[in-house]
Amino acid sequence: NKMMAKMRVLLALLLAAPLASGFTIPPPSSVWSKLYQRSRQSALEASTQQAVTFICRDGKEVTEAVDPAMLSDTLLELGALSVTCSDRAKGTDQETPVFRHHSHSPTWRSDGKGFDPALPRIDSLGVADETEWRPSEFWQETLVTATLPANWDVVELAELAQLALGLDEALPFSVSEVPDGIDWIKTVQEGWAPIDVGRVLVCFPWHEAATLMEYGFPGTTPDGEEKLKVVLEGGAAFGTGEHPTTSMCLGWLQSTPTPGGECLVSGKRVLDYGSGSGILGLAAVALGAVQAVGVEVDRDSIEAAHRNAAANGLLFEGFLPPEELTEAPPEASGAHFTRNGLSSAATPGLLPLPGDPAYAEFDVCVANILAGPLTQLAPTIAGLVRPGGVLGLSGVLQGQAEAIFEAYHPYFPDLAVTEQRDEWLLITGTRS
């Protein structure tokens, strides 16, 4: 599609060029180079940006339809800074989940193995649609929005797109201004609300006291227990607790094995395998764990977890995976590809999990990763839990449970699904 879009754009530029006497048509590479240089220079010179939105209609409904994918590629080839596609009916009862991979879809397989293309689609009125489902399908009315430098001629852009796509007339469009000087990462992050899971309130540095009070901090839970706050920095390595798997793990760490007793991690040594930003390990320490250790393949995440620990005044140690994982065979996948020697050399101070007793035989291990790595890591993770210690696994979909049970049952005979949210599972067991 991208190559076709580029060829059509070049053709449009050639057709639009004034063929005056003596005019020499430059080679396509020259045209493309000049167009690219012009677009990038304009982007640099523009102090503000504008958003241009086109409406594309489904080809099954409208004869003169425009493929949103082709229009998107064309706009990008013409120099758009970004392009997004969205449902024009978003937020209405006509909104359609064209990808339909979520568990609430009527076409979700009952065995939890995902979307079943053999089942008929169900439209917004509950009527079965027997037409063939195509993975590249867009909405009946798709909004294609391109971000451009504010000094660009939008009419010219629409005319070039018309020529490139072979349309009889230019597509109608609307224009809106993109505010200048916005840090979009910060803007998105500031839209995150605190995450309230039992006693633990996960928040971010920009949340003010008034916001936290709305979530009961400072204060107590309905059971009279003190509310705890864990502050996480935003960034690429963050994990907030908002995802069902992290939320279930946070709830499990707070569970009480015996009625009226202390929570699961109180006075215990806790291992968070796949620790990310450190949210689970930090929550464990806040809940009374005497030691929290994290294992993570991503160096940036380990450093972020250490910063989060310092900001919260909590003791948390993050390590790369155990050294023996670096000796995995070449055909291994997932976490086994990590080369700790290279990783620790690239980031001084980050080391593999030590092999001494201080970092073995943990009372509690929580691993919120994905089913593939969890299956491969079963012997390693089981070897880090003491006999009688407990394990909590998540990041596992309902249809993946069988593989997890097969991998962990030899070490945790009482393994069971403890909780399920949507298609996500929390699986727990006791080390034999």
Foldseek 3Di string as FASTA:
>chain_A
DLVLLLVLLLVLVQVPDPPDVPDDDDPSVVVLVVQQVVQVVLVVPFQWKKKKKFKFADCVVDVQGDQLVSLQSNLVSSRFPHKDKDDPQPPHLQDDPLQQFFLPFPQADPLQPTGDQVAFHAGSVRDGDPDGRDNSDDDRMMMMMTMGRPPDDVVVVQSSSCSSRVHPDGTDIDMDIDDGPDPVQVVVLVPDAWDDAALETEEEPPDDPVSVVVVPPQHADPVRHGRYYFYAYDDPQDDHCPDPQSSVLLNQQQPDPDVPDGGPQAQFAEEEEQQGLNVNQQSSVRSHHPHYEYEHLDPVRQVRNVVSCVVRVHDYHYAYAAQVLCVDDPVDDDSSVRHQVVVCVVPPPHHHQDPDPVQAQTQEYEYEDALRVLLVCQVVVLRRHHQFHKYKYWNYFSSSVVSNCVRNCVQFVVWDFPDDDRRITIIMGGGD
